[in-house]
Each structure stands twice: as C-alpha cells, then as structure tokens.
C-alpha cells in the first residue's frame, strides 16, 4: 500500500513546487524549505492525532477518498488560476500542499506500523 501513496506524494510534491514557482509568495513561510514545511506539518498531524503509538488507527481507505475529492478542488482552482484569477493559484497550492502532508502522514504511518509489527515478534 505504501507505493501508491509514495507515487501520489511525489506527484503532489512536483505540483506544489511548480505552483510555488508561479506565485510571488508561497503558501508556506518563505524562509522555510518546502521539505521542512512538509515534515513539520506531517509530524504535527501524527502527534496531534496521537497516531504515533497506534499507526493502525489511520484510516487509509477514507484518506484515499478525501485525497480524490481535495485534488479535484485543487484542479478546479488551478484551472481558474490559469484563466487569470491569481488567488486561485494560491488556493490550488494550499490544497495540494495539505494533501501532500496527508500523503506523507500515510507513508510514515505505514512505516511505523511495519516497525510495530517487527517489534512485536
């Protein structure tokens, strides 16, 4: 299950980086590197939801569903941005960055789950 999340995260990272190049100000702090922003946000989600100790509690199927819906909104915002509505490009980046963080969380929790199973043996 990790591979589809990894492919999605790679594509989302590429999209966020491309959107960032089109914006005067990225949606994350300019002083922060994109990778650091993603890692920090993912850690906040994992620890804020107390998933670090119970990685199996993450609902991957539900997450896939929300990924699809959100990325549809991001695509719509991007299309509006291409038609000249500049705030829509920023919205597309925010949505995609949020979904990239969630994909990163899913990947981390899959890996944490494997570590927990290995530790139990």
N, C-alpha and C. Protein backbone atom coordinates (compact mmCIF):
# COMPACT_ATOMS: atom_id res chain seq x y z
N UNK A 1 0.83 -1.19 0.00
CA UNK A 1 0.00 0.00 0.00
C UNK A 1 0.87 1.26 0.00
N UNK A 2 2.11 1.15 0.43
CA UNK A 2 2.98 2.32 0.52
C UNK A 2 3.27 2.89 -0.87
N UNK A 3 3.45 2.04 -1.87
CA UNK A 3 3.84 2.51 -3.20
C UNK A 3 2.84 3.49 -3.83
N UNK A 4 1.53 3.23 -3.78
CA UNK A 4 0.61 4.22 -4.35
C UNK A 4 0.69 5.57 -3.62
N UNK A 5 0.84 5.53 -2.29
CA UNK A 5 0.96 6.77 -1.54
C UNK A 5 2.24 7.50 -1.94
N UNK A 6 3.31 6.74 -2.13
CA UNK A 6 4.59 7.34 -2.49
C UNK A 6 4.52 7.99 -3.87
N UNK A 7 3.90 7.32 -4.82
CA UNK A 7 3.74 7.90 -6.16
C UNK A 7 2.89 9.17 -6.09
N UNK A 8 1.81 9.12 -5.33
CA UNK A 8 0.95 10.29 -5.18
C UNK A 8 1.72 11.43 -4.54
N UNK A 9 2.44 11.15 -3.48
CA UNK A 9 3.21 12.20 -2.79
C UNK A 9 4.25 12.81 -3.73
N UNK A 10 4.89 11.99 -4.53
CA UNK A 10 5.88 12.51 -5.49
C UNK A 10 5.22 13.45 -6.48
N UNK A 11 4.07 13.06 -6.99
CA UNK A 11 3.35 13.92 -7.95
C UNK A 11 2.87 15.20 -7.28
N UNK A 12 2.39 15.10 -6.06
CA UNK A 12 1.92 16.28 -5.34
C UNK A 12 3.09 17.22 -5.03
N UNK A 13 4.23 16.66 -4.67
CA UNK A 13 5.41 17.49 -4.42
C UNK A 13 5.79 18.26 -5.68
N UNK A 14 5.79 17.58 -6.81
CA UNK A 14 6.11 18.22 -8.08
C UNK A 14 5.12 19.35 -8.38
N UNK A 15 3.84 19.09 -8.12
CA UNK A 15 2.81 20.11 -8.37
C UNK A 15 2.99 21.31 -7.45
N UNK A 16 3.26 21.08 -6.17
CA UNK A 16 3.45 22.18 -5.22
C UNK A 16 4.67 23.01 -5.61
N UNK A 17 5.75 22.35 -5.98
CA UNK A 17 6.96 23.07 -6.38
C UNK A 17 6.70 23.91 -7.63
N UNK A 18 5.95 23.36 -8.58
CA UNK A 18 5.63 24.11 -9.80
C UNK A 18 4.72 25.29 -9.50
N UNK A 19 3.73 25.08 -8.65
CA UNK A 19 2.84 26.18 -8.26
C UNK A 19 3.61 27.25 -7.51
N UNK A 20 4.52 26.83 -6.65
CA UNK A 20 5.32 27.77 -5.89
C UNK A 20 6.10 28.70 -6.82
N UNK A 21 6.60 28.14 -7.91
CA UNK A 21 7.37 28.94 -8.87
C UNK A 21 6.50 29.99 -9.56
N UNK A 22 5.19 29.77 -9.59
CA UNK A 22 4.26 30.70 -10.23
C UNK A 22 3.74 31.77 -9.29
N UNK A 23 3.98 31.61 -8.00
CA UNK A 23 3.44 32.54 -7.01
C UNK A 23 4.50 33.51 -6.52
N UNK A 24 4.08 34.73 -6.26
CA UNK A 24 5.01 35.72 -5.69
C UNK A 24 5.38 35.32 -4.26
N UNK A 25 4.42 34.79 -3.52
CA UNK A 25 4.62 34.35 -2.15
C UNK A 25 4.01 32.96 -2.00
N UNK A 26 4.80 31.96 -1.60
CA UNK A 26 4.24 30.62 -1.42
C UNK A 26 3.29 30.60 -0.23
N UNK A 27 2.50 29.56 -0.13
CA UNK A 27 1.53 29.46 0.96
C UNK A 27 2.19 29.05 2.26
N UNK A 28 3.41 28.55 2.23
CA UNK A 28 4.16 28.25 3.44
C UNK A 28 5.17 29.37 3.63
N UNK A 29 5.77 29.43 4.80
CA UNK A 29 6.72 30.51 5.09
C UNK A 29 7.89 30.46 4.12
N UNK A 30 8.20 31.59 3.51
CA UNK A 30 9.26 31.63 2.51
C UNK A 30 10.61 31.22 3.11
N UNK A 31 10.86 31.52 4.37
CA UNK A 31 12.14 31.17 4.99
C UNK A 31 12.26 29.66 5.19
N UNK A 32 11.15 28.96 5.15
CA UNK A 32 11.14 27.52 5.34
C UNK A 32 11.36 26.82 4.00
N UNK A 33 12.11 25.78 4.01
CA UNK A 33 12.26 24.95 2.82
C UNK A 33 11.01 24.08 2.72
N UNK A 34 10.57 23.82 1.52
CA UNK A 34 9.35 23.05 1.31
C UNK A 34 9.38 21.70 2.02
N UNK A 35 10.49 20.98 1.93
CA UNK A 35 10.59 19.67 2.56
C UNK A 35 10.44 19.79 4.07
N UNK A 36 11.05 20.82 4.66
CA UNK A 36 10.92 21.03 6.11
C UNK A 36 9.49 21.35 6.49
N UNK A 37 8.82 22.16 5.67
CA UNK A 37 7.42 22.50 5.95
C UNK A 37 6.55 21.25 5.92
N UNK A 38 6.79 20.37 4.97
CA UNK A 38 6.02 19.13 4.85
C UNK A 38 6.28 18.23 6.06
N UNK A 39 7.54 18.04 6.40
CA UNK A 39 7.90 17.16 7.52
C UNK A 39 7.33 17.69 8.83
N UNK A 40 7.44 18.99 9.06
CA UNK A 40 6.91 19.57 10.29
C UNK A 40 5.40 19.41 10.38
N UNK A 41 4.72 19.68 9.28
CA UNK A 41 3.25 19.57 9.28
C UNK A 41 2.82 18.12 9.47
N UNK A 42 3.52 17.19 8.83
CA UNK A 42 3.18 15.76 8.98
C UNK A 42 3.39 15.31 10.42
N UNK A 43 4.48 15.73 11.02
CA UNK A 43 4.72 15.38 12.42
C UNK A 43 3.63 15.94 13.32
N UNK A 44 3.21 17.17 13.05
CA UNK A 44 2.12 17.77 13.83
C UNK A 44 0.84 16.95 13.72
N UNK A 45 0.54 16.47 12.52
CA UNK A 45 -0.67 15.66 12.33
C UNK A 45 -0.55 14.34 13.09
N UNK A 46 0.59 13.67 12.92
CA UNK A 46 0.78 12.36 13.56
C UNK A 46 0.70 12.46 15.08
N UNK A 47 1.42 13.43 15.64
CA UNK A 47 1.44 13.55 17.10
C UNK A 47 0.19 14.23 17.63
N UNK A 48 -0.37 15.16 16.87
CA UNK A 48 -1.60 15.82 17.30
C UNK A 48 -2.78 14.86 17.36
N UNK A 49 -2.81 13.90 16.45
CA UNK A 49 -3.88 12.90 16.44
C UNK A 49 -3.50 11.67 17.26
N UNK A 50 -2.36 11.72 17.90
CA UNK A 50 -1.85 10.62 18.72
C UNK A 50 -1.77 9.30 17.95
N UNK A 51 -1.30 9.40 16.71
CA UNK A 51 -1.20 8.22 15.86
C UNK A 51 0.17 7.54 15.94
N UNK A 52 1.15 8.20 16.53
CA UNK A 52 2.50 7.62 16.58
C UNK A 52 2.50 6.28 17.31
N UNK A 53 1.74 6.16 18.35
CA UNK A 53 1.69 4.91 19.11
C UNK A 53 0.65 3.93 18.61
N UNK A 54 -0.16 4.35 17.68
CA UNK A 54 -1.20 3.47 17.15
C UNK A 54 -1.39 3.72 15.65
N UNK A 55 -0.38 3.43 14.85
CA UNK A 55 -0.43 3.72 13.42
C UNK A 55 -1.56 3.00 12.68
N UNK A 56 -2.02 1.89 13.21
CA UNK A 56 -3.10 1.16 12.54
C UNK A 56 -4.43 1.89 12.63
N UNK A 57 -4.52 2.90 13.48
CA UNK A 57 -5.77 3.65 13.62
C UNK A 57 -6.01 4.60 12.44
N UNK A 58 -4.97 4.84 11.63
CA UNK A 58 -5.15 5.70 10.46
C UNK A 58 -6.02 4.98 9.44
N UNK A 59 -7.01 5.66 8.96
CA UNK A 59 -7.96 5.05 8.03
C UNK A 59 -7.55 5.36 6.59
N UNK A 60 -6.78 4.43 6.01
CA UNK A 60 -6.23 4.65 4.68
C UNK A 60 -7.30 4.76 3.60
N UNK A 61 -8.32 3.94 3.69
CA UNK A 61 -9.38 3.98 2.67
C UNK A 61 -10.09 5.33 2.69
N UNK A 62 -10.40 5.82 3.86
CA UNK A 62 -11.05 7.12 3.99
C UNK A 62 -10.11 8.23 3.48
N UNK A 63 -8.83 8.09 3.78
CA UNK A 63 -7.86 9.08 3.33
C UNK A 63 -7.78 9.13 1.81
N UNK A 64 -7.82 7.97 1.15
CA UNK A 64 -7.83 7.95 -0.32
C UNK A 64 -9.04 8.70 -0.86
N UNK A 65 -10.17 8.49 -0.23
CA UNK A 65 -11.41 9.16 -0.65
C UNK A 65 -11.25 10.69 -0.55
N UNK A 66 -10.74 11.17 0.58
CA UNK A 66 -10.58 12.61 0.75
C UNK A 66 -9.50 13.17 -0.16
N UNK A 67 -8.47 12.37 -0.45
CA UNK A 67 -7.44 12.82 -1.39
C UNK A 67 -8.09 13.11 -2.75
N UNK A 68 -8.91 12.21 -3.22
CA UNK A 68 -9.53 12.38 -4.54
C UNK A 68 -10.41 13.63 -4.58
N UNK A 69 -11.21 13.82 -3.55
CA UNK A 69 -12.08 15.00 -3.52
C UNK A 69 -11.27 16.28 -3.49
N UNK A 70 -10.28 16.35 -2.60
CA UNK A 70 -9.49 17.56 -2.46
C UNK A 70 -8.70 17.87 -3.72
N UNK A 71 -8.13 16.85 -4.35
CA UNK A 71 -7.36 17.10 -5.56
C UNK A 71 -8.24 17.56 -6.71
N UNK A 72 -9.50 17.17 -6.70
CA UNK A 72 -10.45 17.70 -7.68
C UNK A 72 -10.64 19.19 -7.47
N UNK A 73 -10.77 19.61 -6.21
CA UNK A 73 -10.89 21.04 -5.91
C UNK A 73 -9.61 21.79 -6.30
N UNK A 74 -8.46 21.17 -6.06
CA UNK A 74 -7.18 21.80 -6.43
C UNK A 74 -7.10 22.00 -7.94
N UNK A 75 -7.55 21.01 -8.68
CA UNK A 75 -7.53 21.11 -10.14
C UNK A 75 -8.46 22.23 -10.61
N UNK A 76 -9.63 22.33 -10.00
CA UNK A 76 -10.56 23.40 -10.35
C UNK A 76 -9.96 24.77 -10.03
N UNK A 77 -9.30 24.89 -8.89
CA UNK A 77 -8.67 26.15 -8.52
C UNK A 77 -7.54 26.49 -9.48
N UNK A 78 -6.77 25.49 -9.86
CA UNK A 78 -5.68 25.72 -10.81
C UNK A 78 -6.21 26.19 -12.15
N UNK A 79 -7.29 25.58 -12.62
CA UNK A 79 -7.89 25.99 -13.89
C UNK A 79 -8.36 27.44 -13.81
N UNK A 80 -8.95 27.82 -12.69
CA UNK A 80 -9.38 29.22 -12.52
C UNK A 80 -8.16 30.14 -12.50
N UNK A 81 -7.07 29.68 -11.90
CA UNK A 81 -5.84 30.48 -11.88
C UNK A 81 -5.27 30.67 -13.27
N UNK A 82 -5.36 29.65 -14.09
CA UNK A 82 -4.87 29.77 -15.46
C UNK A 82 -5.69 30.77 -16.27
N UNK A 83 -6.94 30.97 -15.87
CA UNK A 83 -7.80 31.93 -16.55
C UNK A 83 -7.63 33.33 -16.00
N UNK A 84 -6.62 33.52 -15.14
CA UNK A 84 -6.30 34.86 -14.66
C UNK A 84 -6.69 35.19 -13.24
N UNK A 85 -7.31 34.28 -12.54
CA UNK A 85 -7.69 34.54 -11.16
C UNK A 85 -6.54 34.11 -10.25
N UNK A 86 -5.62 35.04 -9.99
CA UNK A 86 -4.38 34.74 -9.26
C UNK A 86 -4.61 34.10 -7.89
N UNK A 87 -5.60 34.53 -7.10
CA UNK A 87 -5.80 33.87 -5.80
C UNK A 87 -6.09 32.37 -5.92
N UNK A 88 -6.61 31.95 -7.04
CA UNK A 88 -6.91 30.53 -7.22
C UNK A 88 -5.64 29.70 -7.32
N UNK A 89 -4.56 30.27 -7.85
CA UNK A 89 -3.30 29.53 -7.89
C UNK A 89 -2.80 29.28 -6.47
N UNK A 90 -2.90 30.28 -5.62
CA UNK A 90 -2.50 30.11 -4.22
C UNK A 90 -3.39 29.08 -3.54
N UNK A 91 -4.67 29.10 -3.84
CA UNK A 91 -5.59 28.12 -3.26
C UNK A 91 -5.23 26.71 -3.74
N UNK A 92 -4.90 26.58 -5.01
CA UNK A 92 -4.51 25.27 -5.55
C UNK A 92 -3.25 24.77 -4.83
N UNK A 93 -2.30 25.68 -4.57
CA UNK A 93 -1.09 25.27 -3.87
C UNK A 93 -1.40 24.86 -2.43
N UNK A 94 -2.24 25.61 -1.75
CA UNK A 94 -2.59 25.27 -0.36
C UNK A 94 -3.26 23.90 -0.28
N UNK A 95 -4.20 23.67 -1.17
CA UNK A 95 -4.90 22.38 -1.18
C UNK A 95 -3.92 21.24 -1.45
N UNK A 96 -3.09 21.41 -2.48
CA UNK A 96 -2.16 20.35 -2.84
C UNK A 96 -1.12 20.13 -1.75
N UNK A 97 -0.65 21.21 -1.13
CA UNK A 97 0.31 21.07 -0.04
C UNK A 97 -0.32 20.33 1.15
N UNK A 98 -1.56 20.64 1.46
CA UNK A 98 -2.26 19.94 2.54
C UNK A 98 -2.38 18.46 2.22
N UNK A 99 -2.73 18.14 0.99
CA UNK A 99 -2.87 16.74 0.61
C UNK A 99 -1.52 16.03 0.58
N UNK A 100 -0.45 16.76 0.22
CA UNK A 100 0.89 16.20 0.26
C UNK A 100 1.28 15.86 1.70
N UNK A 101 0.94 16.72 2.62
CA UNK A 101 1.21 16.44 4.04
C UNK A 101 0.46 15.18 4.45
N UNK A 102 -0.81 15.07 4.04
CA UNK A 102 -1.59 13.87 4.42
C UNK A 102 -1.02 12.61 3.79
N UNK A 103 -0.53 12.69 2.56
CA UNK A 103 0.10 11.52 1.94
C UNK A 103 1.37 11.15 2.69
N UNK A 104 2.13 12.15 3.13
CA UNK A 104 3.34 11.92 3.91
C UNK A 104 3.00 11.24 5.24
N UNK A 105 1.90 11.67 5.85
CA UNK A 105 1.43 11.04 7.09
C UNK A 105 1.11 9.57 6.83
N UNK A 106 0.40 9.29 5.75
CA UNK A 106 0.04 7.91 5.44
C UNK A 106 1.27 7.05 5.25
N UNK A 107 2.27 7.57 4.53
CA UNK A 107 3.51 6.81 4.31
C UNK A 107 4.22 6.56 5.64
N UNK A 108 4.33 7.60 6.45
CA UNK A 108 5.00 7.45 7.75
C UNK A 108 4.29 6.44 8.62
N UNK A 109 2.97 6.45 8.61
CA UNK A 109 2.21 5.53 9.46
C UNK A 109 2.31 4.09 8.95
N UNK A 110 2.40 3.92 7.66
CA UNK A 110 2.63 2.57 7.12
C UNK A 110 3.97 2.05 7.62
N UNK A 111 4.99 2.91 7.54
CA UNK A 111 6.32 2.52 8.02
C UNK A 111 6.33 2.27 9.52
N UNK A 112 5.65 3.14 10.29
CA UNK A 112 5.56 2.94 11.74
C UNK A 112 4.84 1.63 12.06
N UNK A 113 3.81 1.33 11.30
CA UNK A 113 3.07 0.08 11.50
C UNK A 113 3.96 -1.13 11.28
N UNK A 114 4.80 -1.06 10.26
CA UNK A 114 5.74 -2.16 9.99
C UNK A 114 6.72 -2.29 11.14
N UNK A 115 7.19 -1.15 11.66
CA UNK A 115 8.12 -1.19 12.78
C UNK A 115 7.48 -1.80 14.02
N UNK A 116 6.20 -1.46 14.28
CA UNK A 116 5.49 -2.02 15.44
C UNK A 116 5.31 -3.52 15.29
N UNK A 117 4.97 -3.97 14.09
CA UNK A 117 4.79 -5.41 13.87
C UNK A 117 6.11 -6.13 14.06
N UNK A 118 7.21 -5.55 13.55
CA UNK A 118 8.52 -6.16 13.73
C UNK A 118 8.95 -6.20 15.17
N UNK A 119 8.60 -5.19 15.94
CA UNK A 119 8.97 -5.12 17.36
C UNK A 119 8.17 -6.13 18.19
N UNK A 120 6.97 -6.48 17.72
CA UNK A 120 6.12 -7.43 18.46
C UNK A 120 6.60 -8.86 18.31
N UNK A 121 7.41 -9.12 17.32
CA UNK A 121 7.83 -10.51 17.07
C UNK A 121 9.00 -10.91 17.90
